[in-house]
PDB file of N, CA and C in Angstrom:
ATOM      1  N   MET A   1       0.835  -1.168   0.000  1.00  0.00           N
ATOM      2  CA  MET A   1       0.000   0.000   0.000  1.00  0.00           C
ATOM      3  C   MET A   1       0.884   1.236   0.000  1.00  0.00           C
ATOM      4  N   SER A   2       0.558   2.181  -0.865  1.00  0.00           N
ATOM      5  CA  SER A   2       1.303   3.434  -0.830  1.00  0.00           C
ATOM      6  C   SER A   2       0.768   4.287   0.306  1.00  0.00           C
ATOM      7  N   ARG A   3       1.182   5.568   0.329  1.00  0.00           N
ATOM      8  CA  ARG A   3       0.704   6.441   1.405  1.00  0.00           C
ATOM      9  C   ARG A   3      -0.797   6.284   1.545  1.00  0.00           C
ATOM     10  N   VAL A   4      -0.155   5.526   2.868  1.00  0.00           N
ATOM     11  CA  VAL A   4      -1.495   5.330   3.311  1.00  0.00           C
ATOM     12  C   VAL A   4      -1.575   5.656   4.745  1.00  0.00           C
ATOM     13  N   LYS A   5     -21.143  10.442  -5.098  1.00  0.00           N
ATOM     14  CA  LYS A   5     -21.177   9.840  -6.415  1.00  0.00           C
ATOM     15  C   LYS A   5     -21.233  10.948  -7.444  1.00  0.00           C
ATOM     16  N   VAL A   6     -19.785  10.823  -8.108  1.00  0.00           N
ATOM     17  CA  VAL A   6     -19.728  11.816  -9.182  1.00  0.00           C
ATOM     18  C   VAL A   6     -19.640  11.080 -10.510  1.00  0.00           C
ATOM     19  N   VAL A   7     -20.113  11.679 -11.581  1.00  0.00           N
ATOM     20  CA  VAL A   7     -20.007  11.047 -12.893  1.00  0.00           C
ATOM     21  C   VAL A   7     -18.679  11.458 -13.509  1.00  0.00           C
ATOM     22  N   VAL A   8     -17.911  10.486 -13.899  1.00  0.00           N
ATOM     23  CA  VAL A   8     -16.644  10.739 -14.578  1.00  0.00           C
ATOM     24  C   VAL A   8     -16.786  10.189 -15.990  1.00  0.00           C
ATOM     25  N   ASP A   9     -16.552  11.016 -16.976  1.00  0.00           N
ATOM     26  CA  ASP A   9     -16.751  10.606 -18.366  1.00  0.00           C
ATOM     27  C   ASP A   9     -15.762   9.526 -18.781  1.00  0.00           C
ATOM     28  N   ASP A  10     -16.205   8.284 -18.775  1.00  0.00           N
ATOM     29  CA  ASP A  10     -15.441   7.144 -19.290  1.00  0.00           C
ATOM     30  C   ASP A  10     -13.944   7.288 -19.053  1.00  0.00           C
ATOM     31  N   TYR A  11     -13.561   7.333 -17.794  1.00  0.00           N
ATOM     32  CA  TYR A  11     -12.182   7.606 -17.397  1.00  0.00           C
ATOM     33  C   TYR A  11     -11.189   6.557 -17.882  1.00  0.00           C
ATOM     34  N   GLY A  12     -11.659   5.320 -18.101  1.00  0.00           N
ATOM     35  CA  GLY A  12     -10.738   4.278 -18.534  1.00  0.00           C
ATOM     36  C   GLY A  12      -9.855   3.797 -17.405  1.00  0.00           C
ATOM     37  N   PHE A  13     -10.436   3.617 -16.232  1.00  0.00           N
ATOM     38  CA  PHE A  13      -9.727   3.260 -15.016  1.00  0.00           C
ATOM     39  C   PHE A  13      -8.940   1.969 -15.186  1.00  0.00           C
ATOM     40  N   PHE A  14      -7.693   1.960 -14.754  1.00  0.00           N
ATOM     41  CA  PHE A  14      -6.771   0.819 -14.828  1.00  0.00           C
ATOM     42  C   PHE A  14      -6.564   0.345 -16.267  1.00  0.00           C
ATOM     43  N   GLY A  15      -6.692   1.247 -17.194  1.00  0.00           N
ATOM     44  CA  GLY A  15      -6.415   0.921 -18.584  1.00  0.00           C
ATOM     45  C   GLY A  15      -7.412  -0.021 -19.219  1.00  0.00           C
ATOM     46  N   ILE A  16      -8.568  -0.198 -18.608  1.00  0.00           N
ATOM     47  CA  ILE A  16      -9.563  -1.124 -19.140  1.00  0.00           C
ATOM     48  C   ILE A  16     -10.350  -0.468 -20.267  1.00  0.00           C
ATOM     49  N   GLY A  17     -10.556   0.834 -20.184  1.00  0.00           N
ATOM     50  CA  GLY A  17     -11.225   1.545 -21.253  1.00  0.00           C
ATOM     51  C   GLY A  17     -12.655   1.944 -20.967  1.00  0.00           C
ATOM     52  N   THR A  18     -13.237   1.456 -19.901  1.00  0.00           N
ATOM     53  CA  THR A  18     -14.609   1.841 -19.569  1.00  0.00           C
ATOM     54  C   THR A  18     -14.862   1.668 -18.088  1.00  0.00           C
ATOM     55  N   LEU A  19     -15.734   2.492 -17.538  1.00  0.00           N
ATOM     56  CA  LEU A  19     -16.074   2.376 -16.119  1.00  0.00           C
ATOM     57  C   LEU A  19     -16.951   1.171 -15.819  1.00  0.00           C
ATOM     58  N   ASN A  20     -17.452   0.474 -16.839  1.00  0.00           N
ATOM     59  CA  ASN A  20     -18.287  -0.705 -16.593  1.00  0.00           C
ATOM     60  C   ASN A  20     -17.520  -1.821 -15.896  1.00  0.00           C
ATOM     61  N   ASN A  21     -16.200  -1.771 -15.917  1.00  0.00           N
ATOM     62  CA  ASN A  21     -15.384  -2.817 -15.308  1.00  0.00           C
ATOM     63  C   ASN A  21     -14.951  -2.488 -13.893  1.00  0.00           C
ATOM     64  N   THR A  22     -15.516  -1.449 -13.302  1.00  0.00           N
ATOM     65  CA  THR A  22     -15.130  -1.051 -11.959  1.00  0.00           C
ATOM     66  C   THR A  22     -16.327  -1.050 -11.042  1.00  0.00           C
ATOM     67  N   ASP A  23     -16.058  -1.005  -9.749  1.00  0.00           N
ATOM     68  CA  ASP A  23     -17.104  -0.846  -8.753  1.00  0.00           C
ATOM     69  C   ASP A  23     -17.551   0.606  -8.779  1.00  0.00           C
ATOM     70  N   LYS A  24     -18.582   0.914  -8.013  1.00  0.00           N
ATOM     71  CA  LYS A  24     -19.061   2.300  -7.984  1.00  0.00           C
ATOM     72  C   LYS A  24     -17.976   3.244  -7.478  1.00  0.00           C
ATOM     73  N   ILE A  25     -18.140   4.503  -7.781  1.00  0.00           N
ATOM     74  CA  ILE A  25     -17.212   5.538  -7.338  1.00  0.00           C
ATOM     75  C   ILE A  25     -17.754   6.132  -6.053  1.00  0.00           C
ATOM     76  N   ASN A  26     -16.908   6.252  -5.035  1.00  0.00           N
ATOM     77  CA  ASN A  26     -17.308   6.837  -3.760  1.00  0.00           C
ATOM     78  C   ASN A  26     -16.554   8.131  -3.528  1.00  0.00           C
ATOM     79  N   ILE A  27     -17.292   9.148  -3.093  1.00  0.00           N
ATOM     80  CA  ILE A  27     -16.693  10.435  -2.731  1.00  0.00           C
ATOM     81  C   ILE A  27     -17.068  10.683  -1.292  1.00  0.00           C
ATOM     82  N   GLY A  28     -16.102  11.097  -0.473  1.00  0.00           N
ATOM     83  CA  GLY A  28     -16.403  11.331   0.935  1.00  0.00           C
ATOM     84  C   GLY A  28     -15.833  12.642   1.435  1.00  0.00           C
ATOM     85  N   THR A  29     -16.238  13.001   2.638  1.00  0.00           N
ATOM     86  CA  THR A  29     -15.709  14.222   3.242  1.00  0.00           C
ATOM     87  C   THR A  29     -14.348  13.973   3.876  1.00  0.00           C
ATOM     88  N   PHE A  30     -14.122  12.765   4.394  1.00  0.00           N
ATOM     89  CA  PHE A  30     -12.832  12.354   4.946  1.00  0.00           C
ATOM     90  C   PHE A  30     -12.262  13.398   5.893  1.00  0.00           C
ATOM     91  N   ASP A  31     -13.066  13.787   6.886  1.00  0.00           N
ATOM     92  CA  ASP A  31     -12.701  14.852   7.818  1.00  0.00           C
ATOM     93  C   ASP A  31     -11.361  14.614   8.504  1.00  0.00           C
ATOM     94  N   LYS A  32     -11.027  13.367   8.825  1.00  0.00           N
ATOM     95  CA  LYS A  32      -9.756  13.073   9.493  1.00  0.00           C
ATOM     96  C   LYS A  32      -8.594  13.021   8.507  1.00  0.00           C
ATOM     97  N   LEU A  33      -8.905  12.999   7.241  1.00  0.00           N
ATOM     98  CA  LEU A  33      -7.887  12.870   6.205  1.00  0.00           C
ATOM     99  C   LEU A  33      -8.020  14.048   5.250  1.00  0.00           C
ATOM    100  N   SER A  34      -7.708  15.241   5.715  1.00  0.00           N
ATOM    101  CA  SER A  34      -7.986  16.454   4.945  1.00  0.00           C
ATOM    102  C   SER A  34      -7.347  16.445   3.553  1.00  0.00           C
ATOM    103  N   LYS A  35      -6.233  15.750   3.384  1.00  0.00           N
ATOM    104  CA  LYS A  35      -5.605  15.672   2.059  1.00  0.00           C
ATOM    105  C   LYS A  35      -6.491  14.939   1.058  1.00  0.00           C
ATOM    106  N   TRP A  36      -7.409  14.097   1.554  1.00  0.00           N
ATOM    107  CA  TRP A  36      -8.266  13.312   0.677  1.00  0.00           C
ATOM    108  C   TRP A  36      -9.663  13.902   0.540  1.00  0.00           C
ATOM    109  N   LYS A  37      -9.913  15.040   1.126  1.00  0.00           N
ATOM    110  CA  LYS A  37     -11.250  15.632   1.124  1.00  0.00           C
ATOM    111  C   LYS A  37     -11.731  15.852  -0.312  1.00  0.00           C
ATOM    112  N   GLY A  38     -12.920  15.325  -0.612  1.00  0.00           N
ATOM    113  CA  GLY A  38     -13.508  15.475  -1.938  1.00  0.00           C
ATOM    114  C   GLY A  38     -12.921  14.575  -3.007  1.00  0.00           C
ATOM    115  N   ASN A  39     -12.014  13.666  -2.630  1.00  0.00           N
ATOM    116  CA  ASN A  39     -11.436  12.740  -3.603  1.00  0.00           C
ATOM    117  C   ASN A  39     -12.396  11.592  -3.861  1.00  0.00           C
ATOM    118  N   ALA A  40     -12.259  10.983  -5.026  1.00  0.00           N
ATOM    119  CA  ALA A  40     -13.055   9.811  -5.382  1.00  0.00           C
ATOM    120  C   ALA A  40     -12.204   8.566  -5.157  1.00  0.00           C
ATOM    121  N   PHE A  41     -12.857   7.491  -4.731  1.00  0.00           N
ATOM    122  CA  PHE A  41     -12.184   6.210  -4.551  1.00  0.00           C
ATOM    123  C   PHE A  41     -12.872   5.194  -5.442  1.00  0.00           C
ATOM    124  N   VAL A  42     -12.085   4.510  -6.284  1.00  0.00           N
ATOM    125  CA  VAL A  42     -12.614   3.545  -7.233  1.00  0.00           C
ATOM    126  C   VAL A  42     -11.893   2.227  -7.008  1.00  0.00           C
ATOM    127  N   SER A  43     -12.677   1.146  -6.914  1.00  0.00           N
ATOM    128  CA  SER A  43     -12.062  -0.170  -6.723  1.00  0.00           C
ATOM    129  C   SER A  43     -12.315  -1.042  -7.940  1.00  0.00           C
ATOM    130  N   SER A  44     -11.423  -2.000  -8.144  1.00  0.00           N
ATOM    131  CA  SER A  44     -11.556  -2.979  -9.213  1.00  0.00           C
ATOM    132  C   SER A  44     -11.545  -4.362  -8.580  1.00  0.00           C
ATOM    133  N   LEU A  45     -12.689  -5.028  -8.595  1.00  0.00           N
ATOM    134  CA  LEU A  45     -12.796  -6.377  -8.042  1.00  0.00           C
ATOM    135  C   LEU A  45     -11.893  -7.338  -8.815  1.00  0.00           C
ATOM    136  N   LYS A  46     -11.942  -7.260 -10.127  1.00  0.00           N
ATOM    137  CA  LYS A  46     -11.183  -8.181 -10.976  1.00  0.00           C
ATOM    138  C   LYS A  46      -9.677  -8.101 -10.733  1.00  0.00           C
ATOM    139  N   PHE A  47      -9.147  -6.877 -10.598  1.00  0.00           N
ATOM    140  CA  PHE A  47      -7.704  -6.703 -10.473  1.00  0.00           C
ATOM    141  C   PHE A  47      -7.235  -6.457  -9.043  1.00  0.00           C
ATOM    142  N   GLY A  48      -8.165  -6.394  -8.072  1.00  0.00           N
ATOM    143  CA  GLY A  48      -7.784  -6.178  -6.678  1.00  0.00           C
ATOM    144  C   GLY A  48      -7.095  -4.850  -6.453  1.00  0.00           C
ATOM    145  N   GLN A  49      -7.583  -3.823  -7.121  1.00  0.00           N
ATOM    146  CA  GLN A  49      -6.931  -2.522  -7.045  1.00  0.00           C
ATOM    147  C   GLN A  49      -7.876  -1.471  -6.473  1.00  0.00           C
ATOM    148  N   LEU A  50      -7.281  -0.487  -5.807  1.00  0.00           N
ATOM    149  CA  LEU A  50      -8.014   0.662  -5.288  1.00  0.00           C
ATOM    150  C   LEU A  50      -7.226   1.906  -5.653  1.00  0.00           C
ATOM    151  N   ALA A  51      -7.917   2.868  -6.235  1.00  0.00           N
ATOM    152  CA  ALA A  51      -7.268   4.126  -6.605  1.00  0.00           C
ATOM    153  C   ALA A  51      -7.993   5.292  -5.963  1.00  0.00           C
ATOM    154  N   ARG A  52      -7.206   6.295  -5.622  1.00  0.00           N
ATOM    155  CA  ARG A  52      -7.735   7.576  -5.148  1.00  0.00           C
ATOM    156  C   ARG A  52      -7.612   8.533  -6.317  1.00  0.00           C
ATOM    157  N   LEU A  53      -8.744   9.142  -6.692  1.00  0.00           N
ATOM    158  CA  LEU A  53      -8.763  10.081  -7.800  1.00  0.00           C
ATOM    159  C   LEU A  53      -8.959  11.480  -7.251  1.00  0.00           C
ATOM    160  N   GLU A  54      -7.986  12.342  -7.496  1.00  0.00           N
ATOM    161  CA  GLU A  54      -8.103  13.735  -7.085  1.00  0.00           C
ATOM    162  C   GLU A  54      -8.898  14.456  -8.167  1.00  0.00           C
ATOM    163  N   MET A  55      -9.972  15.110  -7.744  1.00  0.00           N
ATOM    164  CA  MET A  55     -10.905  15.719  -8.680  1.00  0.00           C
ATOM    165  C   MET A  55     -10.782  17.237  -8.668  1.00  0.00           C
ATOM    166  N   GLN A  56     -11.052  17.826  -9.807  1.00  0.00           N
ATOM    167  CA  GLN A  56     -11.210  19.274  -9.924  1.00  0.00           C
ATOM    168  C   GLN A  56     -12.465  19.460 -10.769  1.00  0.00           C
ATOM    169  N   GLY A  57     -13.575  19.780 -10.076  1.00  0.00           N
ATOM    170  CA  GLY A  57     -14.872  19.777 -10.749  1.00  0.00           C
ATOM    171  C   GLY A  57     -15.223  18.344 -11.093  1.00  0.00           C
ATOM    172  N   ASN A  58     -15.507  18.070 -12.370  1.00  0.00           N
ATOM    173  CA  ASN A  58     -15.800  16.696 -12.781  1.00  0.00           C
ATOM    174  C   ASN A  58     -14.643  16.069 -13.556  1.00  0.00           C
ATOM    175  N   LYS A  59     -13.451  16.626 -13.421  1.00  0.00           N
ATOM    176  CA  LYS A  59     -12.260  16.103 -14.101  1.00  0.00           C
ATOM    177  C   LYS A  59     -11.298  15.459 -13.112  1.00  0.00           C
ATOM    178  N   VAL A  60     -10.708  14.344 -13.522  1.00  0.00           N
ATOM    179  CA  VAL A  60      -9.661  13.687 -12.736  1.00  0.00           C
ATOM    180  C   VAL A  60      -8.350  14.394 -13.050  1.00  0.00           C
ATOM    181  N   ILE A  61      -7.680  14.906 -11.994  1.00  0.00           N
ATOM    182  CA  ILE A  61      -6.404  15.589 -12.226  1.00  0.00           C
ATOM    183  C   ILE A  61      -5.208  14.788 -11.716  1.00  0.00           C
ATOM    184  N   LYS A  62      -5.467  13.768 -10.887  1.00  0.00           N
ATOM    185  CA  LYS A  62      -4.382  12.931 -10.379  1.00  0.00           C
ATOM    186  C   LYS A  62      -4.954  11.590  -9.935  1.00  0.00           C
ATOM    187  N   GLU A  63      -4.211  10.517 -10.185  1.00  0.00           N
ATOM    188  CA  GLU A  63      -4.597   9.177  -9.740  1.00  0.00           C
ATOM    189  C   GLU A  63      -3.473   8.595  -8.896  1.00  0.00           C
ATOM    190  N   GLU A  64      -3.833   8.041  -7.741  1.00  0.00           N
ATOM    191  CA  GLU A  64      -2.854   7.361  -6.887  1.00  0.00           C
ATOM    192  C   GLU A  64      -3.374   5.963  -6.597  1.00  0.00           C
ATOM    193  N   ARG A  65      -2.578   4.957  -6.914  1.00  0.00           N
ATOM    194  CA  ARG A  65      -2.952   3.575  -6.606  1.00  0.00           C
ATOM    195  C   ARG A  65      -2.615   3.317  -5.140  1.00  0.00           C
ATOM    196  N   LEU A  66      -3.633   3.067  -4.335  1.00  0.00           N
ATOM    197  CA  LEU A  66      -3.422   2.800  -2.910  1.00  0.00           C
ATOM    198  C   LEU A  66      -3.205   1.315  -2.665  1.00  0.00           C
ATOM    199  N   ILE A  67      -3.930   0.489  -3.384  1.00  0.00           N
ATOM    200  CA  ILE A  67      -3.795  -0.967  -3.273  1.00  0.00           C
ATOM    201  C   ILE A  67      -3.682  -1.498  -4.691  1.00  0.00           C
ATOM    202  N   ASN A  68      -2.714  -2.374  -4.920  1.00  0.00           N
ATOM    203  CA  ASN A  68      -2.478  -2.875  -6.269  1.00  0.00           C
ATOM    204  C   ASN A  68      -2.320  -4.389  -6.255  1.00  0.00           C
ATOM    205  N   GLY A  69      -3.418  -5.095  -5.928  1.00  0.00           N
ATOM    206  CA  GLY A  69      -3.430  -6.544  -5.993  1.00  0.00           C
ATOM    207  C   GLY A  69      -2.804  -7.274  -4.822  1.00  0.00           C
ATOM    208  N   LYS A  70      -2.393  -6.575  -3.777  1.00  0.00           N
ATOM    209  CA  LYS A  70      -1.676  -7.222  -2.675  1.00  0.00           C
ATOM    210  C   LYS A  70      -2.585  -7.764  -1.569  1.00  0.00           C
ATOM    211  N   VAL A  71      -3.855  -7.373  -1.556  1.00  0.00           N
ATOM    212  CA  VAL A  71      -4.748  -7.827  -0.474  1.00  0.00           C
ATOM    213  C   VAL A  71      -5.874  -8.713  -0.986  1.00  0.00           C
ATOM    214  N   GLY A  72      -5.909  -8.982  -2.282  1.00  0.00           N
ATOM    215  CA  GLY A  72      -6.976  -9.788  -2.856  1.00  0.00           C
ATOM    216  C   GLY A  72      -7.980  -8.916  -3.593  1.00  0.00           C
ATOM    217  N   ARG A  73      -9.099  -9.544  -3.956  1.00  0.00           N
ATOM    218  CA  ARG A  73     -10.148  -8.844  -4.699  1.00  0.00           C
ATOM    219  C   ARG A  73     -10.869  -7.862  -3.782  1.00  0.00           C
ATOM    220  N   ILE A  74     -11.034  -6.636  -4.226  1.00  0.00           N
ATOM    221  CA  ILE A  74     -11.675  -5.609  -3.402  1.00  0.00           C
ATOM    222  C   ILE A  74     -13.151  -5.541  -3.756  1.00  0.00           C
ATOM    223  N   ARG A  75     -13.977  -5.887  -2.801  1.00  0.00           N
ATOM    224  CA  ARG A  75     -15.422  -5.925  -2.999  1.00  0.00           C
ATOM    225  C   ARG A  75     -16.063  -4.556  -2.821  1.00  0.00           C
ATOM    226  N   GLU A  76     -15.631  -3.799  -1.827  1.00  0.00           N
ATOM    227  CA  GLU A  76     -16.323  -2.555  -1.472  1.00  0.00           C
ATOM    228  C   GLU A  76     -15.354  -1.569  -0.852  1.00  0.00           C
ATOM    229  N   VAL A  77     -15.589  -0.304  -1.092  1.00  0.00           N
ATOM    230  CA  VAL A  77     -14.845   0.774  -0.434  1.00  0.00           C
ATOM    231  C   VAL A  77     -15.865   1.808   0.017  1.00  0.00           C
ATOM    232  N   GLN A  78     -15.775   2.206   1.282  1.00  0.00           N
ATOM    233  CA  GLN A  78     -16.739   3.144   1.870  1.00  0.00           C
ATOM    234  C   GLN A  78     -16.054   4.017   2.903  1.00  0.00           C
ATOM    235  N   GLN A  79     -16.644   5.169   3.137  1.00  0.00           N
ATOM    236  CA  GLN A  79     -16.207   6.020   4.241  1.00  0.00           C
ATOM    237  C   GLN A  79     -16.999   5.618   5.471  1.00  0.00           C
ATOM    238  N   GLY A  80     -16.297   5.368   6.593  1.00  0.00           N
ATOM    239  CA  GLY A  80     -16.953   5.008   7.842  1.00  0.00           C
ATOM    240  C   GLY A  80     -17.455   6.233   8.581  1.00  0.00           C
ATOM    241  N   SER A  81     -18.252   6.006   9.618  1.00  0.00           N
ATOM    242  CA  SER A  81     -18.776   7.113  10.427  1.00  0.00           C
ATOM    243  C   SER A  81     -17.652   7.869  11.139  1.00  0.00           C
ATOM    244  N   ASP A  82     -16.463   7.245  11.225  1.00  0.00           N
ATOM    245  CA  ASP A  82     -15.300   7.903  11.837  1.00  0.00           C
ATOM    246  C   ASP A  82     -14.470   8.681  10.809  1.00  0.00           C
ATOM    247  N   SER A  83     -14.962   8.788   9.582  1.00  0.00           N
ATOM    248  CA  SER A  83     -14.338   9.519   8.466  1.00  0.00           C
ATOM    249  C   SER A  83     -13.122   8.824   7.859  1.00  0.00           C
ATOM    250  N   TYR A  84     -12.791   7.616   8.289  1.00  0.00           N
ATOM    251  CA  TYR A  84     -11.725   6.857   7.644  1.00  0.00           C
ATOM    252  C   TYR A  84     -12.307   6.076   6.471  1.00  0.00           C
ATOM    253  N   THR A  85     -11.446   5.673   5.554  1.00  0.00           N
ATOM    254  CA  THR A  85     -11.847   4.883   4.402  1.00  0.00           C
ATOM    255  C   THR A  85     -11.646   3.409   4.729  1.00  0.00           C
ATOM    256  N   TYR A  86     -12.673   2.592   4.459  1.00  0.00           N
ATOM    257  CA  TYR A  86     -12.619   1.159   4.730  1.00  0.00           C
ATOM    258  C   TYR A  86     -12.777   0.379   3.435  1.00  0.00           C
ATOM    259  N   VAL A  87     -12.062  -0.739   3.354  1.00  0.00           N
ATOM    260  CA  VAL A  87     -12.093  -1.612   2.192  1.00  0.00           C
ATOM    261  C   VAL A  87     -12.437  -3.016   2.671  1.00  0.00           C
ATOM    262  N   VAL A  88     -13.328  -3.692   1.949  1.00  0.00           N
ATOM    263  CA  VAL A  88     -13.666  -5.088   2.242  1.00  0.00           C
ATOM    264  C   VAL A  88     -13.216  -5.925   1.055  1.00  0.00           C
ATOM    265  N   THR A  89     -12.481  -7.001   1.336  1.00  0.00           N
ATOM    266  CA  THR A  89     -12.038  -7.890   0.265  1.00  0.00           C
ATOM    267  C   THR A  89     -13.071  -8.985   0.034  1.00  0.00           C
ATOM    268  N   ASP A  90     -12.975  -9.629  -1.117  1.00  0.00           N
ATOM    269  CA  ASP A  90     -13.918 -10.662  -1.537  1.00  0.00           C
ATOM    270  C   ASP A  90     -13.155 -11.979  -1.687  1.00  0.00           C
ATOM    271  N   GLU A  91     -12.853 -12.568  -0.580  1.00  0.00           N
ATOM    272  CA  GLU A  91     -12.081 -13.809  -0.566  1.00  0.00           C
ATOM    273  C   GLU A  91     -12.728 -14.769   0.424  1.00  0.00           C
ATOM    274  N   LEU A  92     -12.277 -16.008   0.460  1.00  0.00           N
ATOM    275  CA  LEU A  92     -12.773 -16.962   1.439  1.00  0.00           C
ATOM    276  C   LEU A  92     -12.542 -16.434   2.851  1.00  0.00           C
ATOM    277  N   ASN A  93     -11.378 -15.863   3.098  1.00  0.00           N
ATOM    278  CA  ASN A  93     -11.061 -15.230   4.383  1.00  0.00           C
ATOM    279  C   ASN A  93     -11.035 -13.716   4.194  1.00  0.00           C
ATOM    280  N   SER A  94     -12.198 -13.133   3.940  1.00  0.00           N
ATOM    281  CA  SER A  94     -12.286 -11.695   3.663  1.00  0.00           C
ATOM    282  C   SER A  94     -11.701 -10.868   4.792  1.00  0.00           C
ATOM    283  N   GLN A  95     -11.239  -9.678   4.434  1.00  0.00           N
ATOM    284  CA  GLN A  95     -10.658  -8.749   5.397  1.00  0.00           C
ATOM    285  C   GLN A  95     -11.412  -7.428   5.352  1.00  0.00           C
ATOM    286  N   LEU A  96     -11.445  -6.747   6.489  1.00  0.00           N
ATOM    287  CA  LEU A  96     -11.911  -5.371   6.564  1.00  0.00           C
ATOM    288  C   LEU A  96     -10.679  -4.533   6.867  1.00  0.00           C
ATOM    289  N   LEU A  97     -10.311  -3.645   5.956  1.00  0.00           N
ATOM    290  CA  LEU A  97      -9.086  -2.865   6.075  1.00  0.00           C
ATOM    291  C   LEU A  97      -9.422  -1.391   6.251  1.00  0.00           C
ATOM    292  N   ARG A  98      -8.708  -0.702   7.127  1.00  0.00           N
ATOM    293  CA  ARG A  98      -8.857   0.743   7.291  1.00  0.00           C
ATOM    294  C   ARG A  98      -7.629   1.409   6.694  1.00  0.00           C
ATOM    295  N   LEU A  99      -7.837   2.364   5.812  1.00  0.00           N
ATOM    296  CA  LEU A  99      -6.734   3.074   5.171  1.00  0.00           C
ATOM    297  C   LEU A  99      -6.353   4.284   6.002  1.00  0.00           C
ATOM    298  N   ILE A 100      -5.072   4.403   6.299  1.00  0.00           N
ATOM    299  CA  ILE A 100      -4.549   5.532   7.064  1.00  0.00           C
ATOM    300  C   ILE A 100      -3.325   6.050   6.319  1.00  0.00           C
ATOM    301  N   PRO A 101      -3.343   7.302   5.855  1.00  0.00           N
ATOM    302  CA  PRO A 101      -2.160   7.837   5.177  1.00  0.00           C
ATOM    303  C   PRO A 101      -0.944   7.816   6.097  1.00  0.00           C
ATOM    304  N   ALA A 102       0.224   7.629   5.532  1.00  0.00           N
ATOM    305  CA  ALA A 102       1.458   7.536   6.311  1.00  0.00           C
ATOM    306  C   ALA A 102       1.747   8.798   7.106  1.00  0.00           C
ATOM    307  N   GLU A 103       1.210   9.950   6.685  1.00  0.00           N
ATOM    308  CA  GLU A 103       1.484  11.212   7.369  1.00  0.00           C
ATOM    309  C   GLU A 103       0.825  11.299   8.736  1.00  0.00           C
ATOM    310  N   ILE A 104      -0.187  10.485   9.010  1.00  0.00           N
ATOM    311  CA  ILE A 104      -0.896  10.560  10.304  1.00  0.00           C
ATOM    312  C   ILE A 104      -0.113   9.833  11.366  1.00  0.00           C
TER     313      ILE A 104
END
């Protein structure tokens, strides 16, 4: 792991070419993670990847891969009531992971 609903026009996430191959896009306030405020999080079940998309209006201006196949298939990504980002994997021994940027 590295440092650790808006419509995006066919962003081509993970080089697939269409958003149909990704999970839904989540945008949160992320009060405890001010650097991520208003960012979109997109997961790929097939490739086990999670990306943080820095947005400016409805345009993606930066992409950071937070998880890149190292924890298994990512089923869901959500902001918790504590303002942290949580990821659930889709495996026989599924995991619930909390993302914390290295700066905290």
